[in-house]
Amino acid sequence: MRSLSPNALLLGVDGGGTKCRARLSDATGAELGEATAGPANIRFGLERSFSAILQATTECLVQAGLSSKDSSRITACLALAGASEPKHLAAAQDYPHPFRCAIVTTDAHAACVGAHGGRDGGIIIIGTGSIGWAERKGLHHRVGGWGWPVSDEGSGAWLGYQALCRVLWAYDGRIEWSPLLRALFARFEQDPHAILQWTINATPRDLGSFAPLVVQHAAQNDRVGRDLMKNAAHHIDALAERLIAVGTQQLSLLGGLAEHVAPWLSLATKAHVIPPKGDALEGALHLARQTAVRARSPLLERA
């Protein structure tokens, strides 16, 4: 039987479109440091992504009383947004890094591993974007998450976009105004042309910034807010239905909007929902440990 050398270091990275988190542990699993840096979605540039990764890693090493020279002892799992696309994944895998060994995977994969402690199960992430992911019998199952504007239904970006559409519908007289729509319109000084200009360059994160307003007004029984939350939940139900169809029995809901969308989900979806055991960083560390063990490198020794 083989175990990690006491000299080994493990690094888990959860790189999203808003921020990058990193956690460093020793061979026993004891946490040595955790840090946050800027965005690390590789769809928006490898240099920026890896700059954030290395910044967070350096801070972890400092917290552990180590230096950048110790990077050569690290086996890392870089779980990055955008890595679900083959072109971006290949580029990230070829990008130079200072680690002893590194694997690149998607943030959804690591989140699923963390949520179920490395066992079979599924997740639905409801944040700025949305995606369904499941691990079953060694296979990955992905549903959605293709990116805005062609996918990510039920997400924060989707809610913001749909709300702005309804502001313009109300302005045209196609639907009645509601407190939510008036509040959104006020942010653009009641100018429909300002909405048009703003959306030309709006990012998913920009659109998602309106999601809290939708959630707030839905809780206050705003007609449009409630309809939007129901529609968002309908899309999340569709992701859940597909994951259940491939044999997933347990689902965890993750992301900033998960707790707000959860009450609107169908009973069929709720019957499969369980609390997550851990987060994406724990999942990434789990995958980093697996990688180190399989590598059978000098970092391994006979137990």
C-alpha atoms as a PDB file:
ATOM      1  CA  MET A   1       0.000   0.000   0.000  1.00  0.00           C
ATOM      2  CA  ARG A   2       1.301   3.439  -0.868  1.00  0.00           C
ATOM      3  CA  SER A   3       0.745   6.784   0.859  1.00  0.00           C
ATOM      4  CA  LEU A   4       1.799  10.354   0.306  1.00  0.00           C
ATOM      5  CA  SER A   5       5.196  11.429   1.542  1.00  0.00           C
ATOM      6  CA  PRO A   6       5.119  13.833   4.511  1.00  0.00           C
ATOM      7  CA  ASN A   7       6.850  16.266   2.158  1.00  0.00           C
ATOM      8  CA  ALA A   8       3.880  16.381  -0.240  1.00  0.00           C
ATOM      9  CA  LEU A   9       1.625  19.408  -0.565  1.00  0.00           C
ATOM     10  CA  LEU A  10      -1.859  19.405  -2.075  1.00  0.00           C
ATOM     11  CA  LEU A  11      -3.567  22.412  -3.644  1.00  0.00           C
ATOM     12  CA  GLY A  12      -7.205  22.797  -4.580  1.00  0.00           C
ATOM     13  CA  VAL A  13      -8.293  25.734  -6.725  1.00  0.00           C
ATOM     14  CA  ASP A  14     -11.847  26.830  -7.465  1.00  0.00           C
ATOM     15  CA  GLY A  15     -11.566  29.388 -10.250  1.00  0.00           C
ATOM     16  CA  GLY A  16     -14.786  31.141 -11.200  1.00  0.00           C
ATOM     17  CA  GLY A  17     -15.816  34.151 -13.196  1.00  0.00           C
ATOM     18  CA  THR A  18     -15.991  36.367 -10.108  1.00  0.00           C
ATOM     19  CA  LYS A  19     -13.105  35.136  -7.974  1.00  0.00           C
ATOM     20  CA  CYS A  20     -10.508  32.411  -7.528  1.00  0.00           C
ATOM     21  CA  ARG A  21     -10.189  30.506  -4.252  1.00  0.00           C
ATOM     22  CA  ALA A  22      -7.276  28.273  -3.307  1.00  0.00           C
ATOM     23  CA  ARG A  23      -6.688  25.960  -0.359  1.00  0.00           C
ATOM     24  CA  LEU A  24      -3.385  24.307   0.553  1.00  0.00           C
ATOM     25  CA  SER A  25      -3.071  21.171   2.693  1.00  0.00           C
ATOM     26  CA  ASP A  26      -0.340  18.799   3.779  1.00  0.00           C
ATOM     27  CA  ALA A  27      -0.194  15.056   3.182  1.00  0.00           C
ATOM     28  CA  THR A  28      -2.444  14.355   6.179  1.00  0.00           C
ATOM     29  CA  GLY A  29      -5.151  16.682   4.861  1.00  0.00           C
ATOM     30  CA  ALA A  30      -4.530  19.390   7.446  1.00  0.00           C
ATOM     31  CA  GLU A  31      -5.251  22.842   6.037  1.00  0.00           C
ATOM     32  CA  LEU A  32      -2.186  25.077   5.751  1.00  0.00           C
ATOM     33  CA  GLY A  33      -3.680  28.122   4.054  1.00  0.00           C
ATOM     34  CA  GLU A  34      -6.591  29.515   2.094  1.00  0.00           C
ATOM     35  CA  ALA A  35      -6.710  32.618  -0.090  1.00  0.00           C
ATOM     36  CA  THR A  36      -8.817  34.461  -2.653  1.00  0.00           C
ATOM     37  CA  ALA A  37      -7.779  36.333  -5.787  1.00  0.00           C
ATOM     38  CA  GLY A  38      -9.420  37.733  -8.913  1.00  0.00           C
ATOM     39  CA  PRO A  39     -11.465  35.996 -11.652  1.00  0.00           C
ATOM     40  CA  ALA A  40     -10.089  32.783 -13.152  1.00  0.00           C
ATOM     41  CA  ASN A  41     -12.572  31.831 -15.887  1.00  0.00           C
ATOM     42  CA  ILE A  42     -10.242  30.600 -18.630  1.00  0.00           C
ATOM     43  CA  ARG A  43     -12.693  31.617 -21.364  1.00  0.00           C
ATOM     44  CA  PHE A  44     -11.644  35.207 -20.701  1.00  0.00           C
ATOM     45  CA  GLY A  45      -7.895  34.724 -20.898  1.00  0.00           C
ATOM     46  CA  LEU A  46      -5.367  32.185 -19.632  1.00  0.00           C
ATOM     47  CA  GLU A  47      -2.861  34.763 -18.446  1.00  0.00           C
ATOM     48  CA  ARG A  48      -5.391  36.517 -16.236  1.00  0.00           C
ATOM     49  CA  SER A  49      -6.672  33.194 -14.945  1.00  0.00           C
ATOM     50  CA  PHE A  50      -3.260  31.790 -14.046  1.00  0.00           C
ATOM     51  CA  SER A  51      -2.189  35.113 -12.570  1.00  0.00           C
ATOM     52  CA  ALA A  52      -5.091  34.827 -10.130  1.00  0.00           C
ATOM     53  CA  ILE A  53      -4.269  31.169  -9.430  1.00  0.00           C
ATOM     54  CA  LEU A  54      -0.619  31.940  -8.657  1.00  0.00           C
ATOM     55  CA  GLN A  55      -1.537  34.962  -6.550  1.00  0.00           C
ATOM     56  CA  ALA A  56      -3.858  32.863  -4.392  1.00  0.00           C
ATOM     57  CA  THR A  57      -1.300  30.033  -4.233  1.00  0.00           C
ATOM     58  CA  THR A  58       1.454  32.403  -3.098  1.00  0.00           C
ATOM     59  CA  GLU A  59      -0.762  33.702  -0.294  1.00  0.00           C
ATOM     60  CA  CYS A  60      -1.493  30.121   0.804  1.00  0.00           C
ATOM     61  CA  LEU A  61       2.223  29.355   0.915  1.00  0.00           C
ATOM     62  CA  VAL A  62       2.914  32.491   2.947  1.00  0.00           C
ATOM     63  CA  GLN A  63       0.212  31.508   5.443  1.00  0.00           C
ATOM     64  CA  ALA A  64       1.883  28.098   5.739  1.00  0.00           C
ATOM     65  CA  GLY A  65       5.281  29.668   6.388  1.00  0.00           C
ATOM     66  CA  LEU A  66       6.557  28.468   3.036  1.00  0.00           C
ATOM     67  CA  SER A  67       7.851  30.187  -0.103  1.00  0.00           C
ATOM     68  CA  SER A  68       7.353  29.999  -3.848  1.00  0.00           C
ATOM     69  CA  LYS A  69      10.204  27.467  -3.983  1.00  0.00           C
ATOM     70  CA  ASP A  70       7.873  24.986  -2.293  1.00  0.00           C
ATOM     71  CA  SER A  71       5.550  25.087  -5.319  1.00  0.00           C
ATOM     72  CA  SER A  72       7.568  22.182  -6.727  1.00  0.00           C
ATOM     73  CA  ARG A  73       6.187  20.019  -3.885  1.00  0.00           C
ATOM     74  CA  ILE A  74       2.567  20.739  -4.847  1.00  0.00           C
ATOM     75  CA  THR A  75       0.158  18.441  -6.639  1.00  0.00           C
ATOM     76  CA  ALA A  76      -2.667  20.713  -7.731  1.00  0.00           C
ATOM     77  CA  CYS A  77      -6.190  20.349  -9.022  1.00  0.00           C
ATOM     78  CA  LEU A  78      -7.201  23.477 -10.914  1.00  0.00           C
ATOM     79  CA  ALA A  79     -10.996  23.435 -11.135  1.00  0.00           C
ATOM     80  CA  LEU A  80     -11.755  26.283 -13.510  1.00  0.00           C
ATOM     81  CA  ALA A  81     -14.803  27.849 -15.083  1.00  0.00           C
ATOM     82  CA  GLY A  82     -14.538  27.499 -18.853  1.00  0.00           C
ATOM     83  CA  ALA A  83     -12.667  24.183 -18.673  1.00  0.00           C
ATOM     84  CA  SER A  84     -15.762  22.372 -19.925  1.00  0.00           C
ATOM     85  CA  GLU A  85     -14.906  23.594 -23.424  1.00  0.00           C
ATOM     86  CA  PRO A  86     -12.279  21.329 -25.073  1.00  0.00           C
ATOM     87  CA  LYS A  87     -10.320  24.180 -26.662  1.00  0.00           C
ATOM     88  CA  HIS A  88      -9.967  26.107 -23.417  1.00  0.00           C
ATOM     89  CA  LEU A  89      -9.222  22.928 -21.441  1.00  0.00           C
ATOM     90  CA  ALA A  90      -6.405  21.922 -23.786  1.00  0.00           C
ATOM     91  CA  ALA A  91      -4.883  25.404 -23.617  1.00  0.00           C
ATOM     92  CA  ALA A  92      -4.997  25.386 -19.815  1.00  0.00           C
ATOM     93  CA  GLN A  93      -3.430  21.923 -19.666  1.00  0.00           C
ATOM     94  CA  ASP A  94      -0.525  23.167 -21.812  1.00  0.00           C
ATOM     95  CA  TYR A  95      -0.033  26.401 -19.868  1.00  0.00           C
ATOM     96  CA  PRO A  96       3.238  26.444 -17.872  1.00  0.00           C
ATOM     97  CA  HIS A  97       2.925  26.239 -14.096  1.00  0.00           C
ATOM     98  CA  PRO A  98       5.346  25.866 -11.173  1.00  0.00           C
ATOM     99  CA  PHE A  99       3.715  22.804  -9.583  1.00  0.00           C
ATOM    100  CA  ARG A 100       5.080  19.283  -9.257  1.00  0.00           C
ATOM    101  CA  CYS A 101       1.963  18.051 -11.012  1.00  0.00           C
ATOM    102  CA  ALA A 102      -1.365  19.638 -11.936  1.00  0.00           C
ATOM    103  CA  ILE A 103      -4.639  18.520 -13.424  1.00  0.00           C
ATOM    104  CA  VAL A 104      -7.231  20.852 -14.895  1.00  0.00           C
ATOM    105  CA  THR A 105     -10.936  20.154 -14.651  1.00  0.00           C
ATOM    106  CA  THR A 106     -14.183  22.099 -14.470  1.00  0.00           C
ATOM    107  CA  ASP A 107     -15.380  23.925 -11.388  1.00  0.00           C
ATOM    108  CA  ALA A 108     -18.630  21.937 -11.651  1.00  0.00           C
ATOM    109  CA  HIS A 109     -16.749  18.624 -11.485  1.00  0.00           C
ATOM    110  CA  ALA A 110     -14.877  19.644  -8.332  1.00  0.00           C
ATOM    111  CA  ALA A 111     -18.061  21.028  -6.788  1.00  0.00           C
ATOM    112  CA  CYS A 112     -19.824  17.719  -7.396  1.00  0.00           C
ATOM    113  CA  VAL A 113     -16.957  15.703  -5.873  1.00  0.00           C
ATOM    114  CA  GLY A 114     -16.929  18.004  -2.853  1.00  0.00           C
ATOM    115  CA  ALA A 115     -20.700  17.962  -2.410  1.00  0.00           C
ATOM    116  CA  HIS A 116     -20.806  14.155  -2.240  1.00  0.00           C
ATOM    117  CA  GLY A 117     -17.460  13.420  -0.623  1.00  0.00           C
ATOM    118  CA  GLY A 118     -16.137  11.719  -3.733  1.00  0.00           C
ATOM    119  CA  ARG A 119     -19.141   9.405  -4.041  1.00  0.00           C
ATOM    120  CA  ASP A 120     -21.726   9.272  -6.824  1.00  0.00           C
ATOM    121  CA  GLY A 121     -24.203  12.127  -6.881  1.00  0.00           C
ATOM    122  CA  GLY A 122     -25.218  15.259  -8.698  1.00  0.00           C
ATOM    123  CA  ILE A 123     -25.274  19.013  -8.264  1.00  0.00           C
ATOM    124  CA  ILE A 124     -27.048  21.952  -9.799  1.00  0.00           C
ATOM    125  CA  ILE A 125     -25.200  25.235  -9.556  1.00  0.00           C
ATOM    126  CA  ILE A 126     -27.484  28.278  -9.541  1.00  0.00           C
ATOM    127  CA  GLY A 127     -25.331  31.373  -9.526  1.00  0.00           C
ATOM    128  CA  THR A 128     -24.513  33.933 -12.188  1.00  0.00           C
ATOM    129  CA  GLY A 129     -24.811  30.960 -14.542  1.00  0.00           C
ATOM    130  CA  SER A 130     -26.387  27.536 -14.104  1.00  0.00           C
ATOM    131  CA  ILE A 131     -25.301  23.966 -14.794  1.00  0.00           C
ATOM    132  CA  GLY A 132     -26.229  20.433 -13.820  1.00  0.00           C
ATOM    133  CA  TRP A 133     -23.474  17.895 -13.206  1.00  0.00           C
ATOM    134  CA  ALA A 134     -23.406  14.312 -11.945  1.00  0.00           C
ATOM    135  CA  GLU A 135     -20.813  11.655 -11.219  1.00  0.00           C
ATOM    136  CA  ARG A 136     -22.044   8.075 -11.613  1.00  0.00           C
ATOM    137  CA  LYS A 137     -20.049   4.867 -11.957  1.00  0.00           C
ATOM    138  CA  GLY A 138     -16.956   6.764 -13.077  1.00  0.00           C
ATOM    139  CA  LEU A 139     -18.782   8.773 -15.746  1.00  0.00           C
ATOM    140  CA  HIS A 140     -19.509  12.506 -15.922  1.00  0.00           C
ATOM    141  CA  HIS A 141     -22.968  13.752 -16.866  1.00  0.00           C
ATOM    142  CA  ARG A 142     -23.375  17.420 -17.766  1.00  0.00           C
ATOM    143  CA  VAL A 143     -26.611  19.264 -18.463  1.00  0.00           C
ATOM    144  CA  GLY A 144     -26.666  22.915 -19.520  1.00  0.00           C
ATOM    145  CA  GLY A 145     -24.020  25.407 -18.517  1.00  0.00           C
ATOM    146  CA  TRP A 146     -23.110  26.296 -22.096  1.00  0.00           C
ATOM    147  CA  GLY A 147     -22.818  29.972 -21.215  1.00  0.00           C
ATOM    148  CA  TRP A 148     -24.764  33.141 -21.705  1.00  0.00           C
ATOM    149  CA  PRO A 149     -26.760  33.966 -23.833  1.00  0.00           C
ATOM    150  CA  VAL A 150     -27.488  30.537 -25.344  1.00  0.00           C
ATOM    151  CA  SER A 151     -27.773  28.655 -22.051  1.00  0.00           C
ATOM    152  CA  ASP A 152     -27.699  29.120 -18.226  1.00  0.00           C
ATOM    153  CA  GLU A 153     -31.477  29.312 -17.846  1.00  0.00           C
ATOM    154  CA  GLY A 154     -32.707  29.912 -14.314  1.00  0.00           C
ATOM    155  CA  SER A 155     -29.475  31.662 -13.328  1.00  0.00           C
ATOM    156  CA  GLY A 156     -28.845  35.162 -12.027  1.00  0.00           C
ATOM    157  CA  ALA A 157     -27.925  36.412 -15.499  1.00  0.00           C
ATOM    158  CA  TRP A 158     -31.100  34.859 -16.905  1.00  0.00           C
ATOM    159  CA  LEU A 159     -33.247  36.467 -14.174  1.00  0.00           C
ATOM    160  CA  GLY A 160     -31.719  39.889 -14.800  1.00  0.00           C
ATOM    161  CA  TYR A 161     -32.203  39.635 -18.543  1.00  0.00           C
ATOM    162  CA  GLN A 162     -35.791  38.441 -18.247  1.00  0.00           C
ATOM    163  CA  ALA A 163     -36.610  41.223 -15.791  1.00  0.00           C
ATOM    164  CA  LEU A 164     -35.251  43.885 -18.156  1.00  0.00           C
ATOM    165  CA  CYS A 165     -37.284  42.419 -21.013  1.00  0.00           C
ATOM    166  CA  ARG A 166     -40.405  42.839 -18.897  1.00  0.00           C
ATOM    167  CA  VAL A 167     -39.501  46.435 -18.084  1.00  0.00           C
ATOM    168  CA  LEU A 168     -39.570  47.174 -21.801  1.00  0.00           C
ATOM    169  CA  TRP A 169     -42.804  45.198 -22.207  1.00  0.00           C
ATOM    170  CA  ALA A 170     -44.385  47.350 -19.507  1.00  0.00           C
ATOM    171  CA  TYR A 171     -43.066  50.518 -21.162  1.00  0.00           C
ATOM    172  CA  ASP A 172     -44.660  49.389 -24.429  1.00  0.00           C
ATOM    173  CA  GLY A 173     -47.962  48.734 -22.670  1.00  0.00           C
ATOM    174  CA  ARG A 174     -47.817  44.992 -23.324  1.00  0.00           C
ATOM    175  CA  ILE A 175     -47.968  44.090 -19.618  1.00  0.00           C
ATOM    176  CA  GLU A 176     -48.812  45.989 -16.451  1.00  0.00           C
ATOM    177  CA  TRP A 177     -46.173  47.667 -14.345  1.00  0.00           C
ATOM    178  CA  SER A 178     -45.236  46.128 -11.001  1.00  0.00           C
ATOM    179  CA  PRO A 179     -43.071  47.483  -8.139  1.00  0.00           C
ATOM    180  CA  LEU A 180     -40.175  45.325  -9.364  1.00  0.00           C
ATOM    181  CA  LEU A 181     -40.366  46.690 -12.892  1.00  0.00           C
ATOM    182  CA  ARG A 182     -40.634  50.286 -11.689  1.00  0.00           C
ATOM    183  CA  ALA A 183     -37.632  49.804  -9.404  1.00  0.00           C
ATOM    184  CA  LEU A 184     -35.566  48.430 -12.285  1.00  0.00           C
ATOM    185  CA  PHE A 185     -36.707  51.188 -14.647  1.00  0.00           C
ATOM    186  CA  ALA A 186     -35.679  53.790 -12.066  1.00  0.00           C
ATOM    187  CA  ARG A 187     -32.102  52.469 -12.224  1.00  0.00           C
ATOM    188  CA  PHE A 188     -32.051  53.590 -15.847  1.00  0.00           C
ATOM    189  CA  GLU A 189     -33.736  56.935 -15.075  1.00  0.00           C
ATOM    190  CA  GLN A 190     -36.932  55.749 -16.802  1.00  0.00           C
ATOM    191  CA  ASP A 191     -35.160  55.745 -20.171  1.00  0.00           C
ATOM    192  CA  PRO A 192     -35.725  52.641 -22.344  1.00  0.00           C
ATOM    193  CA  HIS A 193     -32.880  53.696 -24.638  1.00  0.00           C
ATOM    194  CA  ALA A 194     -30.508  53.612 -21.684  1.00  0.00           C
ATOM    195  CA  ILE A 195     -31.460  49.978 -21.136  1.00  0.00           C
ATOM    196  CA  LEU A 196     -30.690  49.181 -24.760  1.00  0.00           C
ATOM    197  CA  GLN A 197     -27.295  50.861 -24.632  1.00  0.00           C
ATOM    198  CA  TRP A 198     -26.401  49.222 -21.328  1.00  0.00           C
ATOM    199  CA  THR A 199     -27.226  45.707 -22.529  1.00  0.00           C
ATOM    200  CA  ILE A 200     -24.925  45.998 -25.545  1.00  0.00           C
ATOM    201  CA  ASN A 201     -21.858  45.526 -23.349  1.00  0.00           C
ATOM    202  CA  ALA A 202     -23.447  43.935 -20.276  1.00  0.00           C
ATOM    203  CA  THR A 203     -21.732  40.820 -18.953  1.00  0.00           C
ATOM    204  CA  PRO A 204     -23.513  37.897 -17.249  1.00  0.00           C
ATOM    205  CA  ARG A 205     -22.242  39.292 -13.961  1.00  0.00           C
ATOM    206  CA  ASP A 206     -23.816  42.686 -14.778  1.00  0.00           C
ATOM    207  CA  LEU A 207     -27.162  41.070 -15.563  1.00  0.00           C
ATOM    208  CA  GLY A 208     -26.926  38.915 -12.463  1.00  0.00           C
ATOM    209  CA  SER A 209     -26.617  42.035 -10.310  1.00  0.00           C
ATOM    210  CA  PHE A 210     -30.404  42.489 -10.721  1.00  0.00           C
ATOM    211  CA  ALA A 211     -31.217  39.013  -9.395  1.00  0.00           C
ATOM    212  CA  PRO A 212     -31.328  40.105  -5.707  1.00  0.00           C
ATOM    213  CA  LEU A 213     -33.960  42.687  -6.628  1.00  0.00           C
ATOM    214  CA  VAL A 214     -36.075  39.990  -8.282  1.00  0.00           C
ATOM    215  CA  VAL A 215     -35.717  37.739  -5.214  1.00  0.00           C
ATOM    216  CA  GLN A 216     -36.623  40.605  -2.883  1.00  0.00           C
ATOM    217  CA  HIS A 217     -39.773  41.588  -4.761  1.00  0.00           C
ATOM    218  CA  ALA A 218     -40.869  37.983  -5.220  1.00  0.00           C
ATOM    219  CA  ALA A 219     -40.738  37.623  -1.425  1.00  0.00           C
ATOM    220  CA  GLN A 220     -42.971  40.706  -1.215  1.00  0.00           C
ATOM    221  CA  ASN A 221     -45.530  39.010  -3.484  1.00  0.00           C
ATOM    222  CA  ASP A 222     -44.697  41.082  -6.553  1.00  0.00           C
ATOM    223  CA  ARG A 223     -46.544  39.450  -9.454  1.00  0.00           C
ATOM    224  CA  VAL A 224     -43.678  39.720 -11.950  1.00  0.00           C
ATOM    225  CA  GLY A 225     -41.067  38.733  -9.376  1.00  0.00           C
ATOM    226  CA  ARG A 226     -43.023  35.604  -8.458  1.00  0.00           C
ATOM    227  CA  ASP A 227     -43.494  34.652 -12.115  1.00  0.00           C
ATOM    228  CA  LEU A 228     -39.773  35.028 -12.753  1.00  0.00           C
ATOM    229  CA  MET A 229     -38.852  32.855  -9.769  1.00  0.00           C
ATOM    230  CA  LYS A 230     -41.362  30.214 -10.861  1.00  0.00           C
ATOM    231  CA  ASN A 231     -39.910  30.234 -14.367  1.00  0.00           C
ATOM    232  CA  ALA A 232     -36.348  30.033 -13.034  1.00  0.00           C
ATOM    233  CA  ALA A 233     -37.317  27.036 -10.893  1.00  0.00           C
ATOM    234  CA  HIS A 234     -38.963  25.393 -13.909  1.00  0.00           C
ATOM    235  CA  HIS A 235     -35.631  25.518 -15.761  1.00  0.00           C
ATOM    236  CA  ILE A 236     -33.755  24.130 -12.750  1.00  0.00           C
ATOM    237  CA  ASP A 237     -36.352  21.359 -12.492  1.00  0.00           C
ATOM    238  CA  ALA A 238     -35.558  20.472 -16.109  1.00  0.00           C
ATOM    239  CA  LEU A 239     -31.845  20.110 -15.258  1.00  0.00           C
ATOM    240  CA  ALA A 240     -32.729  17.956 -12.255  1.00  0.00           C
ATOM    241  CA  GLU A 241     -35.085  15.795 -14.302  1.00  0.00           C
ATOM    242  CA  ARG A 242     -32.339  14.970 -16.772  1.00  0.00           C
ATOM    243  CA  LEU A 243     -29.791  14.136 -14.067  1.00  0.00           C
ATOM    244  CA  ILE A 244     -32.327  11.907 -12.324  1.00  0.00           C
ATOM    245  CA  ALA A 245     -33.065  10.198 -15.643  1.00  0.00           C
ATOM    246  CA  VAL A 246     -29.439   9.028 -15.940  1.00  0.00           C
ATOM    247  CA  GLY A 247     -29.624   7.453 -12.489  1.00  0.00           C
ATOM    248  CA  THR A 248     -28.647  10.251 -10.117  1.00  0.00           C
ATOM    249  CA  GLN A 249     -30.415   9.728  -6.813  1.00  0.00           C
ATOM    250  CA  GLN A 250     -29.014  12.574  -4.717  1.00  0.00           C
ATOM    251  CA  LEU A 251     -28.711  16.212  -5.783  1.00  0.00           C
ATOM    252  CA  SER A 252     -27.169  19.156  -3.986  1.00  0.00           C
ATOM    253  CA  LEU A 253     -27.981  22.748  -4.881  1.00  0.00           C
ATOM    254  CA  LEU A 254     -25.044  25.145  -4.982  1.00  0.00           C
ATOM    255  CA  GLY A 255     -24.445  28.782  -5.872  1.00  0.00           C
ATOM    256  CA  GLY A 256     -25.572  32.136  -4.579  1.00  0.00           C
ATOM    257  CA  LEU A 257     -29.150  31.796  -5.821  1.00  0.00           C
ATOM    258  CA  ALA A 258     -29.685  28.187  -4.758  1.00  0.00           C
ATOM    259  CA  GLU A 259     -31.369  28.941  -1.439  1.00  0.00           C
ATOM    260  CA  HIS A 260     -33.699  31.445  -3.104  1.00  0.00           C
ATOM    261  CA  VAL A 261     -34.745  29.190  -5.982  1.00  0.00           C
ATOM    262  CA  ALA A 262     -35.073  26.043  -3.845  1.00  0.00           C
ATOM    263  CA  PRO A 263     -38.539  26.864  -2.383  1.00  0.00           C
ATOM    264  CA  TRP A 264     -39.955  27.216  -5.902  1.00  0.00           C
ATOM    265  CA  LEU A 265     -38.782  23.811  -7.132  1.00  0.00           C
ATOM    266  CA  SER A 266     -41.125  20.948  -7.849  1.00  0.00           C
ATOM    267  CA  LEU A 267     -41.779  18.223  -5.277  1.00  0.00           C
ATOM    268  CA  ALA A 268     -40.168  15.728  -7.670  1.00  0.00           C
ATOM    269  CA  THR A 269     -36.902  17.690  -7.562  1.00  0.00           C
ATOM    270  CA  LYS A 270     -37.034  18.353  -3.829  1.00  0.00           C
ATOM    271  CA  ALA A 271     -37.363  14.627  -3.161  1.00  0.00           C
ATOM    272  CA  HIS A 272     -33.783  14.169  -4.423  1.00  0.00           C
ATOM    273  CA  VAL A 273     -32.166  17.221  -2.799  1.00  0.00           C
ATOM    274  CA  ILE A 274     -29.681  16.769   0.049  1.00  0.00           C
ATOM    275  CA  PRO A 275     -27.299  19.261   1.725  1.00  0.00           C
ATOM    276  CA  PRO A 276     -23.761  19.277   0.246  1.00  0.00           C
ATOM    277  CA  LYS A 277     -21.077  17.577   2.335  1.00  0.00           C
ATOM    278  CA  GLY A 278     -18.363  19.950   1.173  1.00  0.00           C
ATOM    279  CA  ASP A 279     -17.489  22.666  -1.311  1.00  0.00           C
ATOM    280  CA  ALA A 280     -15.564  22.852  -4.572  1.00  0.00           C
ATOM    281  CA  LEU A 281     -12.252  23.377  -2.785  1.00  0.00           C
ATOM    282  CA  GLU A 282     -12.704  20.138  -0.868  1.00  0.00           C
ATOM    283  CA  GLY A 283     -13.574  18.445  -4.141  1.00  0.00           C
ATOM    284  CA  ALA A 284     -10.468  19.861  -5.807  1.00  0.00           C
ATOM    285  CA  LEU A 285      -8.275  18.687  -2.910  1.00  0.00           C
ATOM    286  CA  HIS A 286      -9.857  15.229  -3.170  1.00  0.00           C
ATOM    287  CA  LEU A 287      -8.972  15.121  -6.878  1.00  0.00           C
ATOM    288  CA  ALA A 288      -5.461  16.461  -6.197  1.00  0.00           C
ATOM    289  CA  ARG A 289      -4.871  13.648  -3.676  1.00  0.00           C
ATOM    290  CA  GLN A 290      -6.111  11.053  -6.179  1.00  0.00           C
ATOM    291  CA  THR A 291      -3.727  12.495  -8.770  1.00  0.00           C
ATOM    292  CA  ALA A 292      -0.765  12.373  -6.395  1.00  0.00           C
ATOM    293  CA  VAL A 293      -1.484   8.764  -5.445  1.00  0.00           C
ATOM    294  CA  ARG A 294      -1.876   7.658  -9.054  1.00  0.00           C
ATOM    295  CA  ALA A 295       1.260   9.477 -10.173  1.00  0.00           C
ATOM    296  CA  ARG A 296       3.520   7.061  -8.230  1.00  0.00           C
ATOM    297  CA  SER A 297       6.094   9.831  -8.241  1.00  0.00           C
ATOM    298  CA  PRO A 298       8.947  10.486  -5.766  1.00  0.00           C
ATOM    299  CA  LEU A 299       6.284  12.161  -3.631  1.00  0.00           C
ATOM    300  CA  LEU A 300       5.023   8.633  -2.861  1.00  0.00           C
ATOM    301  CA  GLU A 301       6.585   6.175  -0.514  1.00  0.00           C
ATOM    302  CA  ARG A 302       5.792   2.764   0.919  1.00  0.00           C
ATOM    303  CA  ALA A 303       3.519   2.912   3.953  1.00  0.00           C
END
